[in-house]
Amino acid sequence: MRDIDTNKADLARRSVLGVATAALGLGATAALLPSTASARGSADADGIHPPRTPAIDTSHATPELARLISRVFEAKTSRDVEATLAYFYPKSTTYIDASLGWPIYSWDELHKLFAGLMPTWAATARSYPTKILGDTTSALVFFTDTPELFGHEIRPMGVINFEEGKIARWIDYWDGREFTLTDMKAQRTPDEKFPTDFKESMVGETAKRSIKRVAHSISDALSSGAVKEAASLFSDDAVLEDQAVRTVVTGRLNIGAYLERAAAHLPYGAGAEVRHVVGGHLGGGYEWTRGSGAVRRGVTALELDGDGRISRYTSVWDGSLVSDDQLSRLQALVIEH
């Protein structure tokens, strides 16, 4: 593990900072409206007028989760270290950047990181969510970090588990091609030292039975090549998105045809296994792993309709791990021949 005191420049790139500001924004209801000057668009203490934070899609989250996340990241955007860390579980806190392989395994380490970095943040820097899935036992958050934070705009998915109403585990997954390939190679932990224990056993499987059933069913079907079974889990007007490959496929029949061509080649397809599931009856997602290949880990978000079918399936993994030619071949699979 890196020395947090002497490597602040490197640690600043961790998307954990995006985690802590992820839920600041204009929610689906008035109850979710943050009260900070930044969110209102009024001048902050430095006299700078930052842009308004976009509305968050909370259609697949419980109101309690949306409120909790908003409060956490109101504190973060206010650069209030103590108020922010008060939302993290002091007995056991885990944060891992799953793309760079940088772990934090205690509340004290996370506190030290934030205390060193918060005072350095530009007033215009923003980290905000675009979508929240799940409930107050476990959740998945899509968010955006603006370039002022890390030098590049990045759009991770954060996987969250709660203990006693506080954040106990947060794992970020994002596409390394949102950085430059040179930056990723310089920052990524070597394979032989990359963390393998993401501490899911510390929090256990608290996701609702409905989302666990769908997560295991779709993963097992894709892994075994049972493409028709996988396609049957989608709603008629479902959307499948791969953020690393930059593909979007709409409609259950089109998704089935695409998976016939692509499932054996996708990192979350043949040979992939579920690592950990989060979420509630409305949606959530699952972390997945593979024992071989260039891409060994990633996450898939699942949004469910009223019948428990997948209305949207969104995967993210580190595209910087594959060559340009490999990525082009994956992109070509979306075209029906």
Protein backbone atom coordinates (compact mmCIF):
# COMPACT_ATOMS: atom_id res chain seq x y z
CA MET A 1 0.00 0.00 0.00
CA ARG A 2 1.21 3.49 -0.82
CA ASP A 3 2.33 5.88 1.89
CA ILE A 4 -0.58 8.29 1.96
CA ASP A 5 1.45 11.12 3.49
CA THR A 6 4.22 11.13 0.90
CA ASN A 7 2.29 10.24 -2.22
CA LYS A 8 -0.59 12.70 -2.20
CA ALA A 9 -0.11 13.56 -5.85
CA ASP A 10 -0.68 9.96 -6.86
CA LEU A 11 -3.49 9.45 -4.39
CA ALA A 12 -5.25 12.51 -5.75
CA ARG A 13 -6.04 10.48 -8.81
CA ARG A 14 -8.08 7.97 -6.82
CA SER A 15 -11.70 8.14 -7.73
CA VAL A 16 -12.50 7.82 -4.04
CA LEU A 17 -12.84 11.58 -4.19
CA GLY A 18 -15.58 11.10 -6.72
CA VAL A 19 -17.16 8.68 -4.30
CA ALA A 20 -17.39 11.25 -1.59
CA THR A 21 -19.02 13.88 -3.78
CA ALA A 22 -21.06 11.47 -5.86
CA ALA A 23 -24.50 12.24 -4.58
CA LEU A 24 -24.49 16.01 -4.58
CA GLY A 25 -27.05 17.35 -7.00
CA LEU A 26 -30.66 18.07 -7.80
CA GLY A 27 -32.59 14.94 -6.93
CA ALA A 28 -35.90 13.66 -8.21
CA THR A 29 -37.88 15.43 -5.47
CA ALA A 30 -37.56 18.59 -3.43
CA ALA A 31 -36.47 16.49 -0.45
CA LEU A 32 -33.24 15.69 -2.32
CA LEU A 33 -32.22 19.25 -3.07
CA PRO A 34 -28.83 19.95 -1.46
CA SER A 35 -28.46 23.21 0.41
CA THR A 36 -24.84 24.03 -0.43
CA ALA A 37 -23.94 27.16 -2.35
CA SER A 38 -22.30 25.04 -5.03
CA ALA A 39 -25.48 23.11 -5.72
CA ARG A 40 -27.57 26.30 -5.78
CA GLY A 41 -25.22 27.93 -8.25
CA SER A 42 -24.58 30.90 -5.97
CA ALA A 43 -21.10 32.16 -5.20
CA ASP A 44 -18.99 30.07 -2.84
CA ALA A 45 -16.53 31.40 -0.26
CA ASP A 46 -14.05 32.23 -3.03
CA GLY A 47 -16.60 34.30 -4.94
CA ILE A 48 -16.73 31.81 -7.82
CA HIS A 49 -20.04 30.77 -9.34
CA PRO A 50 -19.75 27.04 -10.21
CA PRO A 51 -22.21 25.43 -12.65
CA ARG A 52 -25.34 23.82 -11.31
CA THR A 53 -25.11 20.10 -10.69
CA PRO A 54 -27.35 18.08 -13.07
CA ALA A 55 -30.39 16.20 -11.82
CA ILE A 56 -29.83 12.63 -10.62
CA ASP A 57 -31.81 9.66 -11.96
CA THR A 58 -33.19 8.11 -8.76
CA SER A 59 -35.96 6.12 -10.44
CA HIS A 60 -34.37 2.82 -9.33
CA ALA A 61 -33.35 3.93 -5.85
CA THR A 62 -35.28 4.23 -2.62
CA PRO A 63 -35.91 7.80 -1.40
CA GLU A 64 -33.96 7.00 1.77
CA LEU A 65 -30.87 6.08 -0.23
CA ALA A 66 -31.11 9.16 -2.42
CA ARG A 67 -31.39 11.42 0.62
CA LEU A 68 -28.48 9.73 2.38
CA ILE A 69 -26.19 9.98 -0.62
CA SER A 70 -27.12 13.63 -1.16
CA ARG A 71 -26.28 14.50 2.44
CA VAL A 72 -22.95 12.67 2.31
CA PHE A 73 -21.81 14.57 -0.70
CA GLU A 74 -23.18 17.91 0.31
CA ALA A 75 -20.65 17.61 3.13
CA LYS A 76 -17.97 16.60 0.64
CA THR A 77 -18.57 19.46 -1.74
CA SER A 78 -18.40 21.82 1.23
CA ARG A 79 -14.85 20.48 1.78
CA ASP A 80 -15.77 19.56 5.33
CA VAL A 81 -13.52 16.63 6.19
CA GLU A 82 -15.13 15.77 9.51
CA ALA A 83 -18.69 16.03 8.25
CA THR A 84 -17.84 13.85 5.25
CA LEU A 85 -16.03 11.15 7.19
CA ALA A 86 -18.90 11.02 9.68
CA TYR A 87 -20.83 9.15 6.98
CA PHE A 88 -18.21 6.38 6.75
CA TYR A 89 -18.20 3.37 9.05
CA PRO A 90 -15.40 3.94 11.60
CA LYS A 91 -15.08 0.30 12.64
CA SER A 92 -14.31 -0.95 9.15
CA THR A 93 -13.92 1.12 5.98
CA THR A 94 -12.73 -0.24 2.63
CA TYR A 95 -12.14 1.75 -0.55
CA ILE A 96 -10.52 0.23 -3.62
CA ASP A 97 -9.95 1.74 -7.04
CA ALA A 98 -10.56 -1.39 -9.10
CA SER A 99 -8.98 0.08 -12.23
CA LEU A 100 -5.74 1.30 -10.66
CA GLY A 101 -5.57 -1.28 -7.87
CA TRP A 102 -5.11 1.22 -5.04
CA PRO A 103 -6.71 0.14 -1.73
CA ILE A 104 -7.60 1.87 1.50
CA TYR A 105 -8.49 -0.48 4.33
CA SER A 106 -9.35 1.80 7.26
CA TRP A 107 -11.33 4.88 8.25
CA ASP A 108 -8.15 6.54 9.50
CA GLU A 109 -6.42 6.17 6.12
CA LEU A 110 -9.41 7.60 4.30
CA HIS A 111 -9.57 10.50 6.75
CA LYS A 112 -5.87 11.23 6.18
CA LEU A 113 -6.38 11.20 2.43
CA PHE A 114 -9.32 13.60 2.52
CA ALA A 115 -7.65 15.91 5.03
CA GLY A 116 -4.65 16.22 2.72
CA LEU A 117 -6.60 16.76 -0.48
CA MET A 118 -9.76 18.72 0.31
CA PRO A 119 -7.96 22.02 0.97
CA THR A 120 -6.29 21.79 -2.46
CA TRP A 121 -9.48 21.39 -4.52
CA ALA A 122 -10.32 24.09 -7.04
CA ALA A 123 -13.63 25.81 -6.36
CA THR A 124 -14.84 24.84 -9.84
CA ALA A 125 -14.12 21.12 -9.45
CA ARG A 126 -17.19 18.91 -9.37
CA SER A 127 -17.96 15.27 -8.80
CA TYR A 128 -21.61 14.45 -9.25
CA PRO A 129 -23.89 11.44 -9.78
CA THR A 130 -25.94 10.76 -12.83
CA LYS A 131 -27.78 7.71 -11.48
CA ILE A 132 -28.32 5.92 -8.15
CA LEU A 133 -29.54 2.32 -7.85
CA GLY A 134 -30.43 0.32 -4.74
CA ASP A 135 -31.32 0.96 -1.13
CA THR A 136 -29.66 1.76 2.19
CA THR A 137 -28.17 -1.71 2.61
CA SER A 138 -26.26 -1.68 -0.68
CA ALA A 139 -26.20 0.44 -3.81
CA LEU A 140 -24.52 1.34 -7.09
CA VAL A 141 -23.82 4.94 -8.16
CA PHE A 142 -22.88 6.29 -11.59
CA PHE A 143 -20.92 9.52 -11.27
CA THR A 144 -18.73 11.99 -13.12
CA ASP A 145 -15.46 13.57 -12.01
CA THR A 146 -14.66 16.79 -13.85
CA PRO A 147 -11.12 17.35 -15.19
CA GLU A 148 -10.18 19.69 -12.33
CA LEU A 149 -10.02 16.69 -10.00
CA PHE A 150 -7.69 14.32 -11.86
CA GLY A 151 -6.67 16.03 -15.10
CA HIS A 152 -9.21 14.03 -17.14
CA GLU A 153 -12.95 13.61 -16.98
CA ILE A 154 -13.80 10.12 -15.71
CA ARG A 155 -17.17 8.39 -15.28
CA PRO A 156 -16.97 5.55 -12.78
CA MET A 157 -19.51 3.26 -11.18
CA GLY A 158 -19.18 3.03 -7.41
CA VAL A 159 -20.34 -0.12 -5.60
CA ILE A 160 -21.43 0.66 -2.02
CA ASN A 161 -22.24 -1.39 1.07
CA PHE A 162 -23.53 0.10 4.31
CA GLU A 163 -23.13 -0.92 7.94
CA GLU A 164 -25.31 0.71 10.61
CA GLY A 165 -26.32 3.38 8.11
CA LYS A 166 -22.73 4.31 7.16
CA ILE A 167 -20.52 3.51 4.17
CA ALA A 168 -18.41 0.43 4.94
CA ARG A 169 -17.25 -0.57 1.44
CA TRP A 170 -16.87 1.43 -1.76
CA ILE A 171 -15.30 -0.01 -4.93
CA ASP A 172 -14.82 2.15 -8.03
CA TYR A 173 -14.77 0.74 -11.55
CA TRP A 174 -14.04 2.92 -14.57
CA ASP A 175 -12.66 2.75 -18.10
CA GLY A 176 -8.94 3.54 -18.10
CA ARG A 177 -9.20 4.98 -21.61
CA GLU A 178 -10.80 8.00 -19.99
CA PHE A 179 -7.23 8.72 -18.87
CA THR A 180 -4.38 8.45 -21.35
CA LEU A 181 -2.81 5.03 -21.80
CA THR A 182 0.49 6.47 -20.59
CA ASP A 183 -1.13 7.72 -17.38
CA MET A 184 -2.81 4.37 -16.78
CA LYS A 185 0.40 2.40 -17.23
CA ALA A 186 2.24 4.74 -14.88
CA GLN A 187 -0.46 4.67 -12.20
CA ARG A 188 -1.78 1.09 -12.30
CA THR A 189 -0.54 -1.39 -9.70
CA PRO A 190 1.46 -4.23 -11.37
CA ASP A 191 -0.49 -7.47 -11.84
CA GLU A 192 1.57 -9.35 -9.28
CA LYS A 193 0.74 -6.75 -6.61
CA PHE A 194 -2.82 -5.94 -7.65
CA PRO A 195 -5.24 -6.51 -4.74
CA THR A 196 -7.28 -9.69 -5.05
CA ASP A 197 -9.35 -9.37 -1.88
CA PHE A 198 -11.97 -6.65 -2.33
CA LYS A 199 -13.35 -7.28 1.18
CA GLU A 200 -16.82 -8.34 0.03
CA SER A 201 -16.72 -11.01 2.74
CA MET A 202 -16.47 -8.25 5.36
CA VAL A 203 -19.89 -6.84 4.44
CA GLY A 204 -21.59 -10.02 3.21
CA GLU A 205 -24.36 -10.34 0.63
CA THR A 206 -27.07 -7.91 1.72
CA ALA A 207 -28.63 -7.29 -1.71
CA LYS A 208 -32.32 -8.09 -2.07
CA ARG A 209 -33.21 -11.58 -3.30
CA SER A 210 -34.74 -10.24 -6.53
CA ILE A 211 -31.59 -8.46 -7.71
CA LYS A 212 -29.37 -11.38 -6.64
CA ARG A 213 -31.51 -13.78 -8.66
CA VAL A 214 -31.28 -11.67 -11.80
CA ALA A 215 -27.56 -10.96 -11.36
CA HIS A 216 -26.64 -14.62 -11.02
CA SER A 217 -29.01 -15.69 -13.79
CA ILE A 218 -27.65 -13.26 -16.38
CA SER A 219 -24.02 -13.85 -15.40
CA ASP A 220 -24.38 -17.64 -15.44
CA ALA A 221 -26.14 -17.58 -18.82
CA LEU A 222 -23.52 -15.34 -20.44
CA SER A 223 -20.65 -17.29 -18.89
CA SER A 224 -21.96 -20.65 -20.13
CA GLY A 225 -22.97 -19.44 -23.58
CA ALA A 226 -26.71 -19.87 -22.93
CA VAL A 227 -27.49 -16.78 -24.99
CA LYS A 228 -31.20 -17.44 -25.50
CA GLU A 229 -31.62 -17.82 -21.75
CA ALA A 230 -29.72 -14.57 -21.22
CA ALA A 231 -31.88 -12.71 -23.74
CA SER A 232 -35.07 -13.96 -22.07
CA LEU A 233 -34.14 -12.01 -18.93
CA PHE A 234 -34.48 -8.65 -20.75
CA SER A 235 -37.67 -6.64 -21.22
CA ASP A 236 -38.92 -6.03 -24.76
CA ASP A 237 -37.50 -2.50 -24.93
CA ALA A 238 -34.39 -3.10 -22.86
CA VAL A 239 -31.06 -1.37 -23.46
CA LEU A 240 -27.64 -3.04 -23.23
CA GLU A 241 -24.67 -0.70 -22.90
CA ASP A 242 -20.95 -1.39 -22.70
CA GLN A 243 -19.17 1.79 -21.66
CA ALA A 244 -15.68 0.48 -22.44
CA VAL A 245 -16.60 -0.71 -25.95
CA ARG A 246 -18.82 2.36 -26.50
CA THR A 247 -21.76 0.25 -27.71
CA VAL A 248 -25.51 0.54 -27.07
CA VAL A 249 -28.02 -2.07 -28.26
CA THR A 250 -31.77 -1.50 -27.90
CA GLY A 251 -34.55 -4.11 -27.80
CA ARG A 252 -34.60 -7.68 -26.49
CA LEU A 253 -34.41 -9.27 -29.96
CA ASN A 254 -31.47 -7.09 -31.01
CA ILE A 255 -29.75 -7.74 -27.69
CA GLY A 256 -30.17 -11.50 -28.19
CA ALA A 257 -28.68 -11.31 -31.69
CA TYR A 258 -25.79 -9.19 -30.44
CA LEU A 259 -25.02 -11.59 -27.61
CA GLU A 260 -24.98 -14.50 -30.06
CA ARG A 261 -22.07 -12.78 -31.79
CA ALA A 262 -20.37 -11.18 -28.83
CA ALA A 263 -20.89 -13.10 -25.56
CA ALA A 264 -17.91 -15.40 -26.07
CA HIS A 265 -15.62 -12.39 -26.56
CA LEU A 266 -16.82 -10.00 -23.86
CA PRO A 267 -14.96 -9.96 -20.52
CA TYR A 268 -18.27 -10.36 -18.63
CA GLY A 269 -19.26 -13.22 -20.95
CA ALA A 270 -17.56 -16.59 -21.27
CA GLY A 271 -15.80 -17.61 -18.06
CA ALA A 272 -16.95 -14.66 -15.94
CA GLU A 273 -18.25 -15.17 -12.39
CA VAL A 274 -20.21 -13.03 -9.96
CA ARG A 275 -18.05 -11.59 -7.21
CA HIS A 276 -20.57 -9.52 -5.24
CA VAL A 277 -24.14 -8.25 -5.70
CA VAL A 278 -25.59 -4.97 -4.45
CA GLY A 279 -28.98 -3.33 -4.70
CA GLY A 280 -32.68 -3.54 -3.99
CA HIS A 281 -35.90 -4.57 -5.72
CA LEU A 282 -35.67 -1.74 -8.27
CA GLY A 283 -32.07 -2.24 -9.34
CA GLY A 284 -28.44 -2.56 -8.41
CA GLY A 285 -25.64 -4.51 -9.98
CA TYR A 286 -22.86 -7.05 -9.63
CA GLU A 287 -19.09 -7.07 -9.61
CA TRP A 288 -17.63 -9.84 -11.77
CA THR A 289 -14.25 -11.50 -12.16
CA ARG A 290 -12.46 -13.75 -14.65
CA GLY A 291 -9.62 -16.16 -14.06
CA SER A 292 -7.94 -15.50 -17.41
CA GLY A 293 -7.65 -12.88 -20.11
CA ALA A 294 -6.44 -9.29 -20.10
CA VAL A 295 -9.54 -8.01 -18.26
CA ARG A 296 -10.00 -9.74 -14.90
CA ARG A 297 -12.70 -7.59 -13.24
CA GLY A 298 -15.53 -5.15 -13.82
CA VAL A 299 -19.06 -4.23 -12.82
CA THR A 300 -22.51 -4.42 -14.40
CA ALA A 301 -25.46 -2.25 -13.38
CA LEU A 302 -28.96 -3.72 -13.62
CA GLU A 303 -32.18 -1.73 -13.77
CA LEU A 304 -35.33 -3.82 -13.37
CA ASP A 305 -38.88 -3.21 -14.57
CA GLY A 306 -42.05 -3.98 -12.63
CA ASP A 307 -41.92 -7.63 -13.71
CA GLY A 308 -38.35 -8.10 -12.50
CA ARG A 309 -36.88 -8.14 -16.02
CA ILE A 310 -33.79 -6.19 -17.03
CA SER A 311 -34.75 -2.85 -18.57
CA ARG A 312 -31.15 -1.61 -18.75
CA TYR A 313 -27.85 -3.49 -18.50
CA THR A 314 -24.69 -1.34 -18.27
CA SER A 315 -21.16 -2.72 -17.95
CA VAL A 316 -17.92 -0.90 -17.30
CA TRP A 317 -14.40 -2.31 -17.28
CA ASP A 318 -10.91 -1.03 -17.95
CA GLY A 319 -10.60 -0.74 -21.73
CA SER A 320 -6.97 0.34 -21.44
CA LEU A 321 -6.09 -3.31 -20.73
CA VAL A 322 -6.83 -4.34 -24.32
CA SER A 323 -5.18 -3.17 -27.53
CA ASP A 324 -6.76 -0.81 -30.03
CA ASP A 325 -7.23 -3.73 -32.42
CA GLN A 326 -8.98 -5.84 -29.78
CA LEU A 327 -11.27 -2.97 -28.90
CA SER A 328 -12.08 -2.39 -32.58
CA ARG A 329 -12.97 -6.06 -33.00
CA LEU A 330 -15.33 -5.86 -30.04
CA GLN A 331 -16.92 -2.75 -31.48
CA ALA A 332 -17.41 -4.48 -34.83
CA LEU A 333 -19.48 -7.21 -33.19
CA VAL A 334 -22.35 -4.79 -32.74
CA ILE A 335 -22.83 -4.80 -36.52
CA GLU A 336 -25.01 -7.64 -37.76
CA HIS A 337 -23.58 -9.40 -40.80
